[in-house]
Amino acid sequence: MNIPLQTIAISAALFLSAITAHAELRLGPLFRDHAVLQQGKPVPVWGWTDAGTKVQVEYRGQEQSTVAGPDGRWQVTLTPMNASAEPADLKVSAAQSIAIHDVLVGEVWICSGQSNMEWHVRDVLNADGEIAGANFPLIRHFRVPHVIADRPQEDFTGTWAAASPKTVISFSAVAYFFARDLHRDLKVPIGLVNTSWGGKMIEVFMSAEAIASDPAFATVEKRWKQEQDRLPTLLAAYEQKKIPPSKPASDDPNATPEDVAPKGMNPSEVVAQHRPSCLFNGMTNPVIPYAIRGAIWYQGEHNISRASEYRALFSAMITDWRAKFQQGDFPFYFAQLSAFNAPLDKSREGFALLREAQSQTLSLSNTGMAVTFDVGTPENIHPRNKQDVGARLARIAKANTYHLDGEWCGPVLKTAARDGKTVRLSFDHTADGLQLKPTAAAAFELAGPDGRFQPAIARVDGATLVVQCDAITEPASVRYAWGNAPEAALFNSEGLPASPFRQSLLNR
């Protein structure tokens, strides 16, 4: 029988197509060479292949197998492992095989937030010295790429890098200094998963479910709709060059899209980055359910005009992340906003109000806050001293997560009471005693029943602090370091600063 050559060619093509039609075996985005897996916890390992295909995972003597589901996704769970700095291969076999190399076991932390978390080691104080000394091959950093999405994604492309003078320059500085302190004390590998992106409000880091969890969050969607409604006007002006961008990208929350767009940047690109949940969808969801110890966070500058809602949004985000990772109420430690003379904040207390909202979030279990306003630079929203920020976050983790000795917090107001014409304050976390910085002018203020605050004088009296103002005979309120860029005056004997506070004295 003579078969036309064209038919043979078509049949051969179909046969080859059938052979090559198998879905490529893929692993979740963090399973790459030089990865760090979490010690002491079950470790999910997942990926994708053809539906119904048997998949086997091998690592350090463990063998786990499963069958890919109808959507091609598969997942196994490695049993808890001890920390190990000895590199090993993680092997995955299905229709094809993959091996990822130099995989360690240690402590893994998500590191997220806006520009002060994203800030690179190359831009910190003493950057040259820090870079030259960055010989920590057991500290690994994974930079999640900037991705926005309108629905949850599963994958992205990125690599792990071990800390060295060549690689550390682009690490998150806060995350690196946090990891360096942990590594020196714990002596185990540290993995950092960096999901930060500058100039972003908290809403973009929250899932759609978290935003829908409270009717009060309807204002988030309302603002987004207003931005969308404004976009055609912005685009028309942009295209006609009638309203050129007036300043570089900024963390200022009161700036409009045309203000924050770098010159030549299309306003639609800026507005797209303000879509609620867009960074959660593109940068956080693909990480879930990677086994982690906890998260560190530095964000809030872009929400100072809406501090009244920040506490609820921040708490909802933390609660939702914990639910989605399904690893219990894992530690969530964050940096309180630093000092900055926000030029567009007409209230002159937007940062103070946001700091207060952050401190109120401590009512959630297993949270901790590093006070940073004393190491800030009032003229720059990006202070270069990221070493102290990372070290203070590490102090919290070492004490509360790893149960190592050492004070981890500055003085925290415990009681405030009138004592005649003065106010007597007591504090927790005083270490060996309270210390006042004598050069800090007007850090403390008192107000009478009229609510008008005036500068006050403070002095240490044993374990308490006495505050007074000659002009106020009936103190009704006291506050400390209240403003956008206050000067720090109160520390404990460990040199850790007290958080700003305000307190009514009525009915006390």
Protein backbone atom coordinates (compact mmCIF):
# COMPACT_ATOMS: atom_id res chain seq x y z
CA MET A 1 0.00 0.00 0.00
CA ASN A 2 1.37 3.36 -0.99
CA ILE A 3 0.98 6.00 1.67
CA PRO A 4 1.40 9.60 0.55
CA LEU A 5 4.54 11.27 1.88
CA GLN A 6 2.42 14.14 3.21
CA THR A 7 0.41 11.69 5.33
CA ILE A 8 3.60 10.11 6.67
CA ALA A 9 4.96 13.55 7.58
CA ILE A 10 1.75 14.51 9.36
CA SER A 11 1.65 11.20 11.26
CA ALA A 12 5.28 11.59 12.30
CA ALA A 13 4.61 15.09 13.49
CA LEU A 14 1.65 13.94 15.53
CA PHE A 15 3.71 11.11 17.02
CA LEU A 16 6.52 13.46 17.99
CA SER A 17 4.00 15.91 19.36
CA ALA A 18 2.48 13.20 21.54
CA ILE A 19 5.95 12.30 22.87
CA THR A 20 6.80 15.90 23.72
CA ALA A 21 3.35 16.91 24.98
CA HIS A 22 4.18 15.98 28.56
CA ALA A 23 4.15 18.96 30.88
CA GLU A 24 7.63 19.96 31.98
CA LEU A 25 8.40 18.93 35.57
CA ARG A 26 8.65 22.13 37.60
CA LEU A 27 9.32 22.92 41.25
CA GLY A 28 7.86 25.73 43.34
CA PRO A 29 9.79 28.98 42.81
CA LEU A 30 11.94 28.85 45.95
CA PHE A 31 13.26 25.34 45.28
CA ARG A 32 16.43 26.39 43.52
CA ASP A 33 20.15 25.84 43.98
CA HIS A 34 21.51 27.18 47.32
CA ALA A 35 18.08 27.13 48.99
CA VAL A 36 17.62 27.00 52.76
CA LEU A 37 14.88 24.77 54.19
CA GLN A 38 13.33 25.37 57.60
CA GLN A 39 14.64 23.23 60.45
CA GLY A 40 12.40 21.59 63.06
CA LYS A 41 9.16 21.84 61.06
CA PRO A 42 7.42 19.84 58.33
CA VAL A 43 8.74 21.06 54.97
CA PRO A 44 6.27 21.14 52.04
CA VAL A 45 7.88 20.56 48.63
CA TRP A 46 5.68 21.15 45.61
CA GLY A 47 5.56 21.72 41.88
CA TRP A 48 3.78 20.75 38.67
CA THR A 49 3.84 18.01 36.04
CA ASP A 50 1.29 15.93 34.07
CA ALA A 51 -1.88 15.08 35.95
CA GLY A 52 -1.79 11.59 37.39
CA THR A 53 2.00 11.31 37.22
CA LYS A 54 3.80 9.74 40.16
CA VAL A 55 6.36 12.10 41.72
CA GLN A 56 9.14 11.12 44.13
CA VAL A 57 11.19 13.55 46.25
CA GLU A 58 14.48 12.61 47.93
CA TYR A 59 16.47 14.69 50.42
CA ARG A 60 18.95 13.69 53.13
CA GLY A 61 17.77 10.09 53.23
CA GLN A 62 14.07 10.91 53.11
CA GLU A 63 11.92 9.63 50.26
CA GLN A 64 8.38 10.95 49.80
CA SER A 65 6.08 10.25 46.87
CA THR A 66 2.71 11.42 45.60
CA VAL A 67 0.62 11.66 42.42
CA ALA A 68 0.02 14.95 40.61
CA GLY A 69 -3.56 16.15 40.87
CA PRO A 70 -5.96 16.97 38.00
CA ASP A 71 -4.38 20.42 37.64
CA GLY A 72 -0.88 18.93 37.55
CA ARG A 73 0.10 20.25 40.96
CA TRP A 74 1.82 17.89 43.38
CA GLN A 75 3.07 18.28 46.93
CA VAL A 76 4.90 16.15 49.48
CA THR A 77 5.97 17.00 53.01
CA LEU A 78 9.41 16.20 54.36
CA THR A 79 9.50 15.34 58.05
CA PRO A 80 11.20 17.85 60.40
CA MET A 81 14.99 18.02 60.09
CA ASN A 82 17.82 19.33 62.24
CA ALA A 83 19.82 22.30 61.01
CA SER A 84 22.67 21.35 58.69
CA ALA A 85 25.32 23.42 56.96
CA GLU A 86 26.35 20.41 54.88
CA PRO A 87 25.08 20.91 51.32
CA ALA A 88 22.91 18.19 49.84
CA ASP A 89 20.90 17.69 46.66
CA LEU A 90 17.12 17.71 46.63
CA LYS A 91 16.02 15.33 43.86
CA VAL A 92 12.60 15.16 42.24
CA SER A 93 11.69 12.40 39.81
CA ALA A 94 8.61 12.00 37.59
CA ALA A 95 8.57 11.60 33.79
CA GLN A 96 11.72 13.72 34.05
CA SER A 97 14.13 14.33 36.91
CA ILE A 98 15.40 17.51 38.57
CA ALA A 99 18.13 17.97 41.15
CA ILE A 100 18.73 21.22 43.01
CA HIS A 101 22.14 21.55 44.59
CA ASP A 102 23.71 22.97 47.74
CA VAL A 103 20.48 22.87 49.77
CA LEU A 104 20.91 23.61 53.50
CA VAL A 105 18.65 23.36 56.55
CA GLY A 106 18.36 26.26 58.99
CA GLU A 107 16.12 29.23 59.76
CA VAL A 108 13.95 30.86 57.06
CA TRP A 109 12.38 34.32 57.37
CA ILE A 110 10.09 36.25 55.03
CA CYS A 111 11.32 39.87 54.75
CA SER A 112 8.74 42.28 53.38
CA GLY A 113 7.56 45.87 53.24
CA GLN A 114 8.34 48.96 51.23
CA SER A 115 11.54 50.85 50.42
CA ASN A 116 13.18 50.79 53.86
CA MET A 117 13.06 46.99 53.76
CA GLU A 118 14.12 46.94 50.12
CA TRP A 119 17.05 49.33 50.79
CA HIS A 120 20.30 47.71 49.66
CA VAL A 121 23.47 47.05 51.63
CA ARG A 122 25.41 49.14 49.10
CA ASP A 123 23.54 52.24 50.33
CA VAL A 124 23.98 51.93 54.11
CA LEU A 125 26.39 53.63 56.48
CA ASN A 126 29.92 52.25 56.11
CA ALA A 127 28.80 50.35 53.02
CA ASP A 128 32.33 49.61 51.84
CA GLY A 129 33.27 48.01 55.14
CA GLU A 130 30.03 46.05 55.38
CA ILE A 131 30.44 44.72 51.85
CA ALA A 132 34.09 43.76 52.36
CA GLY A 133 33.19 41.85 55.52
CA ALA A 134 30.22 39.97 54.06
CA ASN A 135 31.75 36.51 54.09
CA PHE A 136 28.77 34.50 55.29
CA PRO A 137 28.15 31.63 52.86
CA LEU A 138 25.48 30.21 55.18
CA ILE A 139 23.33 33.37 54.89
CA ARG A 140 21.23 33.00 51.73
CA HIS A 141 19.02 35.70 50.18
CA PHE A 142 16.25 35.16 47.59
CA ARG A 143 15.09 38.34 45.88
CA VAL A 144 11.50 37.84 44.74
CA PRO A 145 11.07 39.81 41.49
CA HIS A 146 8.68 42.75 41.34
CA VAL A 147 5.45 41.28 40.01
CA ILE A 148 1.95 42.74 40.12
CA ALA A 149 -1.08 40.61 39.34
CA ASP A 150 -4.86 40.94 39.56
CA ARG A 151 -5.25 37.35 40.81
CA PRO A 152 -3.06 34.98 42.83
CA GLN A 153 -0.09 33.59 40.89
CA GLU A 154 1.84 30.37 41.48
CA ASP A 155 5.31 31.01 40.13
CA PHE A 156 8.07 33.51 39.44
CA THR A 157 11.72 33.38 38.44
CA GLY A 158 14.49 34.04 40.92
CA THR A 159 17.67 32.70 42.51
CA TRP A 160 19.22 32.22 45.95
CA ALA A 161 22.52 33.98 46.61
CA ALA A 162 24.97 33.29 49.43
CA ALA A 163 26.28 36.41 51.19
CA SER A 164 29.65 37.50 49.82
CA PRO A 165 31.24 40.83 48.90
CA LYS A 166 30.02 40.29 45.33
CA THR A 167 26.41 39.44 46.13
CA VAL A 168 25.51 41.27 49.33
CA ILE A 169 25.42 44.69 47.69
CA SER A 170 21.87 44.03 46.47
CA PHE A 171 20.59 42.24 49.58
CA SER A 172 17.93 43.90 51.71
CA ALA A 173 20.10 45.68 54.28
CA VAL A 174 17.67 45.29 57.18
CA ALA A 175 17.21 41.60 56.37
CA TYR A 176 20.96 41.02 56.01
CA PHE A 177 21.86 42.65 59.33
CA PHE A 178 19.01 40.77 61.00
CA ALA A 179 20.31 37.48 59.57
CA ARG A 180 23.92 38.25 60.43
CA ASP A 181 23.05 38.75 64.10
CA LEU A 182 20.99 35.57 64.19
CA HIS A 183 23.66 33.54 62.42
CA ARG A 184 26.40 34.66 64.80
CA ASP A 185 24.41 33.45 67.81
CA LEU A 186 22.53 30.46 66.40
CA LYS A 187 25.37 29.10 64.25
CA VAL A 188 22.91 27.76 61.64
CA PRO A 189 22.14 28.66 58.02
CA ILE A 190 19.74 31.57 57.57
CA GLY A 191 17.45 31.93 54.55
CA LEU A 192 15.90 35.30 53.66
CA VAL A 193 12.95 35.51 51.25
CA ASN A 194 12.74 39.18 50.27
CA THR A 195 9.27 40.18 48.99
CA SER A 196 9.63 43.96 49.45
CA TRP A 197 8.85 46.78 46.98
CA GLY A 198 9.30 50.49 47.65
CA GLY A 199 6.57 53.10 47.59
CA LYS A 200 3.69 50.75 48.37
CA MET A 201 0.77 50.99 50.78
CA ILE A 202 -0.16 48.05 52.97
CA GLU A 203 -3.26 47.22 50.91
CA VAL A 204 -1.19 45.84 48.05
CA PHE A 205 0.46 43.30 50.37
CA MET A 206 -2.92 41.99 51.57
CA SER A 207 -4.90 39.21 49.93
CA ALA A 208 -8.37 39.86 48.53
CA GLU A 209 -9.77 37.68 51.32
CA ALA A 210 -8.10 39.81 53.98
CA ILE A 211 -9.47 43.02 52.48
CA ALA A 212 -12.95 41.45 52.30
CA SER A 213 -12.75 40.25 55.90
CA ASP A 214 -13.97 43.53 57.40
CA PRO A 215 -16.73 45.81 56.02
CA ALA A 216 -14.67 48.77 57.22
CA PHE A 217 -12.09 47.95 54.57
CA ALA A 218 -14.54 48.99 51.85
CA THR A 219 -12.67 52.31 51.85
CA VAL A 220 -9.71 50.50 50.30
CA GLU A 221 -11.71 49.48 47.23
CA LYS A 222 -13.34 52.89 47.11
CA ARG A 223 -9.94 54.60 46.88
CA TRP A 224 -8.85 52.17 44.19
CA LYS A 225 -11.95 52.94 42.14
CA GLN A 226 -11.27 56.66 42.50
CA GLU A 227 -7.74 56.16 41.18
CA GLN A 228 -9.09 54.20 38.24
CA ASP A 229 -11.64 56.92 37.54
CA ARG A 230 -8.88 59.53 37.48
CA LEU A 231 -6.61 57.52 35.20
CA PRO A 232 -8.07 58.59 31.82
CA THR A 233 -7.50 62.22 32.73
CA LEU A 234 -3.96 61.50 33.86
CA LEU A 235 -3.23 59.54 30.71
CA ALA A 236 -4.59 62.25 28.45
CA ALA A 237 -2.47 64.86 30.18
CA TYR A 238 0.55 62.59 30.08
CA GLU A 239 0.18 61.91 26.36
CA GLN A 240 -0.21 65.58 25.58
CA LYS A 241 2.75 66.48 27.80
CA LYS A 242 0.56 69.00 29.61
CA ILE A 243 1.27 67.62 33.06
CA PRO A 244 4.82 66.23 33.12
CA PRO A 245 5.83 64.30 36.25
CA SER A 246 6.99 66.86 38.79
CA LYS A 247 9.23 64.83 41.08
CA PRO A 248 10.94 61.44 41.36
CA ALA A 249 9.35 58.39 42.92
CA SER A 250 8.65 59.02 46.57
CA ASP A 251 7.24 57.32 49.65
CA ASP A 252 5.04 60.36 50.30
CA PRO A 253 1.49 59.08 50.85
CA ASN A 254 -0.15 62.35 49.85
CA ALA A 255 1.44 62.42 46.42
CA THR A 256 -0.77 61.72 43.43
CA PRO A 257 0.22 59.27 40.68
CA GLU A 258 1.55 62.04 38.44
CA ASP A 259 3.70 63.28 41.34
CA VAL A 260 5.25 59.93 42.14
CA ALA A 261 5.85 58.80 38.57
CA PRO A 262 9.47 59.10 37.47
CA LYS A 263 9.81 61.27 34.39
CA GLY A 264 8.55 59.41 31.36
CA MET A 265 6.68 56.75 33.35
CA ASN A 266 3.17 56.11 32.17
CA PRO A 267 0.61 56.94 34.91
CA SER A 268 -1.17 53.66 34.22
CA GLU A 269 1.92 51.81 35.45
CA VAL A 270 1.86 53.73 38.72
CA VAL A 271 -1.87 53.25 39.26
CA ALA A 272 -1.57 49.52 38.47
CA GLN A 273 0.86 49.20 41.38
CA HIS A 274 -1.80 50.61 43.72
CA ARG A 275 -4.32 47.86 42.99
CA PRO A 276 -5.28 46.22 46.30
CA SER A 277 -3.71 42.75 46.64
CA CYS A 278 -1.53 43.12 43.53
CA LEU A 279 1.76 42.37 45.31
CA PHE A 280 0.28 39.64 47.45
CA ASN A 281 -0.94 37.99 44.26
CA GLY A 282 2.34 38.33 42.39
CA MET A 283 5.00 38.09 45.10
CA THR A 284 3.63 36.46 48.27
CA ASN A 285 1.12 33.88 47.10
CA PRO A 286 3.73 31.95 45.06
CA VAL A 287 5.84 31.56 48.22
CA ILE A 288 3.04 29.85 50.15
CA PRO A 289 3.33 27.24 51.76
CA TYR A 290 7.16 27.34 51.99
CA ALA A 291 8.21 26.38 55.52
CA ILE A 292 9.34 29.46 57.45
CA ARG A 293 10.20 30.45 61.00
CA GLY A 294 8.58 33.87 60.77
CA ALA A 295 8.46 37.27 59.08
CA ILE A 296 10.05 40.69 59.50
CA TRP A 297 8.36 43.81 58.13
CA TYR A 298 9.23 47.48 57.51
CA GLN A 299 6.39 49.47 55.95
CA GLY A 300 3.95 52.25 56.72
CA GLU A 301 5.37 55.46 55.26
CA HIS A 302 2.88 55.24 52.41
CA ASN A 303 -0.07 55.02 54.82
CA ILE A 304 0.60 57.94 57.16
CA SER A 305 -2.35 59.94 55.87
CA ARG A 306 -4.60 57.03 56.90
CA ALA A 307 -3.13 55.99 60.24
CA SER A 308 -6.60 55.57 61.76
CA GLU A 309 -7.23 52.49 59.61
CA TYR A 310 -3.70 51.12 59.57
CA ARG A 311 -3.92 49.12 62.78
CA ALA A 312 -6.89 47.13 61.49
CA LEU A 313 -5.36 46.61 58.04
CA PHE A 314 -2.00 45.57 59.47
CA SER A 315 -3.59 43.15 61.95
CA ALA A 316 -5.77 41.66 59.22
CA MET A 317 -2.75 41.16 56.97
CA ILE A 318 -0.73 39.39 59.67
CA THR A 319 -3.68 37.17 60.60
CA ASP A 320 -4.33 36.30 56.96
CA TRP A 321 -0.69 35.51 56.16
CA ARG A 322 -0.59 33.17 59.13
CA ALA A 323 -3.77 31.44 58.01
CA LYS A 324 -2.53 31.00 54.46
CA PHE A 325 0.90 29.64 55.39
CA GLN A 326 -0.83 27.18 57.80
CA GLN A 327 2.14 27.22 60.17
CA GLY A 328 0.41 28.58 63.24
CA ASP A 329 0.85 32.07 64.65
CA PHE A 330 4.42 32.35 63.43
CA PRO A 331 6.55 35.26 64.73
CA PHE A 332 5.88 38.56 63.01
CA TYR A 333 8.32 41.32 63.95
CA PHE A 334 8.28 44.81 62.48
CA ALA A 335 10.18 48.09 62.49
CA GLN A 336 8.36 51.13 63.78
CA LEU A 337 8.66 54.12 61.44
CA SER A 338 11.78 56.20 61.78
CA ALA A 339 12.00 59.99 62.11
CA PHE A 340 11.15 62.05 59.03
CA ASN A 341 10.04 65.65 58.59
CA ALA A 342 7.31 64.80 56.10
CA PRO A 343 6.99 68.04 54.09
CA LEU A 344 3.47 67.36 52.80
CA ASP A 345 2.05 66.24 56.15
CA LYS A 346 0.17 69.36 57.20
CA SER A 347 -0.88 67.76 60.48
CA ARG A 348 2.79 67.40 61.47
CA GLU A 349 1.89 64.21 63.33
CA GLY A 350 1.14 61.69 60.58
CA PHE A 351 4.21 59.63 61.43
CA ALA A 352 3.41 59.79 65.15
CA LEU A 353 -0.11 58.50 64.52
CA LEU A 354 1.18 55.71 62.29
CA ARG A 355 3.75 54.72 64.95
CA GLU A 356 0.92 54.54 67.46
CA ALA A 357 -1.11 52.32 65.13
CA GLN A 358 1.91 50.07 64.73
CA SER A 359 2.38 49.78 68.49
CA GLN A 360 -1.29 48.88 68.91
CA THR A 361 -0.75 45.92 66.58
CA LEU A 362 1.32 44.37 69.38
CA SER A 363 -1.99 43.17 70.85
CA LEU A 364 -1.71 40.32 68.33
CA SER A 365 0.07 37.28 69.70
CA ASN A 366 3.70 36.60 68.81
CA THR A 367 4.43 40.06 67.43
CA GLY A 368 7.28 42.43 68.28
CA MET A 369 8.29 45.96 67.34
CA ALA A 370 11.73 47.50 66.91
CA VAL A 371 11.72 51.21 67.76
CA THR A 372 13.85 53.12 65.23
CA PHE A 373 13.06 56.84 65.37
CA ASP A 374 16.30 57.56 67.25
CA VAL A 375 18.42 56.33 64.33
CA GLY A 376 16.42 58.16 61.68
CA THR A 377 17.43 61.09 59.52
CA PRO A 378 14.69 63.75 59.61
CA GLU A 379 15.71 65.08 56.20
CA ASN A 380 15.56 61.66 54.52
CA ILE A 381 12.78 59.09 54.62
CA HIS A 382 15.44 56.42 54.03
CA PRO A 383 17.87 56.48 56.99
CA ARG A 384 21.17 54.83 56.12
CA ASN A 385 21.62 53.25 59.54
CA LYS A 386 20.02 49.93 58.75
CA GLN A 387 22.45 48.09 61.03
CA ASP A 388 20.63 49.11 64.21
CA VAL A 389 17.24 48.30 62.69
CA GLY A 390 18.32 44.80 61.74
CA ALA A 391 20.04 44.28 65.09
CA ARG A 392 16.96 45.36 67.05
CA LEU A 393 14.72 43.03 65.08
CA ALA A 394 17.23 40.27 65.75
CA ARG A 395 17.15 41.05 69.49
CA ILE A 396 13.39 40.48 69.47
CA ALA A 397 13.77 37.20 67.61
CA LYS A 398 16.61 35.95 69.79
CA ALA A 399 14.65 36.59 72.98
CA ASN A 400 11.15 35.60 71.92
CA THR A 401 11.65 33.00 69.19
CA TYR A 402 14.95 31.43 70.17
CA HIS A 403 14.73 32.07 73.92
CA LEU A 404 18.22 33.50 74.31
CA ASP A 405 19.01 35.82 77.21
CA GLY A 406 19.16 39.58 76.77
CA GLU A 407 16.91 42.64 76.85
CA TRP A 408 15.11 43.02 73.55
CA CYS A 409 12.93 46.11 74.01
CA GLY A 410 13.23 49.70 75.17
CA PRO A 411 11.10 51.15 77.99
CA VAL A 412 7.35 50.58 77.49
CA LEU A 413 4.89 52.78 79.36
CA LYS A 414 3.11 50.80 82.09
CA THR A 415 1.32 53.40 84.23
CA ALA A 416 0.79 57.15 84.18
CA ALA A 417 -0.70 58.96 87.17
CA ARG A 418 -1.03 62.51 88.46
CA ASP A 419 1.03 63.32 91.52
CA GLY A 420 -0.03 66.82 92.43
CA LYS A 421 1.19 69.12 89.69
CA THR A 422 3.44 66.43 88.25
CA VAL A 423 2.92 63.18 86.39
CA ARG A 424 4.64 59.99 87.48
CA LEU A 425 5.34 57.35 84.82
CA SER A 426 6.43 53.75 85.27
CA PHE A 427 7.76 51.43 82.57
CA ASP A 428 8.41 47.83 81.66
CA HIS A 429 11.68 46.79 79.99
CA THR A 430 13.89 49.19 81.93
CA ALA A 431 16.77 46.66 82.14
CA ASP A 432 19.00 48.09 84.91
CA GLY A 433 17.30 51.46 84.93
CA LEU A 434 15.91 54.39 82.96
CA GLN A 435 18.24 56.84 81.26
CA LEU A 436 17.42 60.33 80.03
CA LYS A 437 19.32 62.09 77.30
CA PRO A 438 19.75 65.63 78.68
CA THR A 439 20.10 67.27 75.27
CA ALA A 440 16.66 66.14 74.08
CA ALA A 441 14.61 69.32 74.29
CA ALA A 442 10.85 69.14 74.79
CA ALA A 443 10.66 65.41 74.22
CA PHE A 444 7.99 65.31 76.94
CA GLU A 445 4.85 67.44 76.90
CA LEU A 446 1.93 67.96 79.26
CA ALA A 447 -1.55 69.30 78.59
CA GLY A 448 -4.17 70.60 80.96
CA PRO A 449 -7.93 70.14 80.60
CA ASP A 450 -7.86 72.43 77.54
CA GLY A 451 -5.80 69.83 75.62
CA ARG A 452 -3.04 72.28 74.68
CA PHE A 453 0.34 70.59 75.03
CA GLN A 454 3.34 72.47 76.34
CA PRO A 455 6.98 71.42 76.76
CA ALA A 456 7.71 69.67 80.04
CA ILE A 457 10.75 68.66 82.06
CA ALA A 458 11.37 65.03 82.99
CA ARG A 459 13.65 63.52 85.63
CA VAL A 460 14.38 59.99 86.75
CA ASP A 461 13.16 59.21 90.27
CA GLY A 462 14.17 55.69 91.19
CA ALA A 463 12.30 53.29 88.94
CA THR A 464 9.92 55.98 87.68
CA LEU A 465 9.96 59.16 85.66
CA VAL A 466 8.52 62.45 86.94
CA VAL A 467 7.26 64.95 84.35
CA GLN A 468 6.21 68.52 85.10
CA CYS A 469 5.47 71.85 83.48
CA ASP A 470 5.26 75.00 85.59
CA ALA A 471 2.57 76.43 83.31
CA ILE A 472 0.24 73.47 83.89
CA THR A 473 -1.16 72.93 87.36
CA GLU A 474 -3.72 70.26 86.49
CA PRO A 475 -2.10 67.80 84.09
CA ALA A 476 -4.68 65.95 82.01
CA SER A 477 -2.49 64.33 79.34
CA VAL A 478 1.14 63.43 78.80
CA ARG A 479 2.98 62.52 75.65
CA TYR A 480 6.52 61.68 74.62
CA ALA A 481 8.34 62.03 71.30
CA TRP A 482 5.12 62.97 69.58
CA GLY A 483 5.74 64.25 66.06
CA ASN A 484 7.08 63.27 62.68
CA ALA A 485 10.75 63.60 63.60
CA PRO A 486 11.02 63.80 67.39
CA GLU A 487 14.28 63.66 69.28
CA ALA A 488 14.79 60.58 71.40
CA ALA A 489 15.33 61.22 75.10
CA LEU A 490 14.36 58.08 77.02
CA PHE A 491 16.34 54.82 76.93
CA ASN A 492 16.97 51.85 79.15
CA SER A 493 20.41 50.81 80.37
CA GLU A 494 20.85 48.65 77.25
CA GLY A 495 20.62 51.75 75.06
CA LEU A 496 17.25 50.77 73.61
CA PRO A 497 14.83 53.68 73.07
CA ALA A 498 11.33 54.02 74.46
CA SER A 499 8.54 54.01 71.93
CA PRO A 500 6.65 57.31 71.49
CA PHE A 501 3.40 57.44 73.43
CA ARG A 502 0.52 59.63 74.51
CA GLN A 503 -1.67 58.99 77.53
CA SER A 504 -4.74 60.64 79.03
CA LEU A 505 -4.66 61.07 82.82
CA LEU A 506 -8.37 61.59 83.26
CA ASN A 507 -10.16 59.07 85.46
CA ARG A 508 -6.84 57.78 86.70
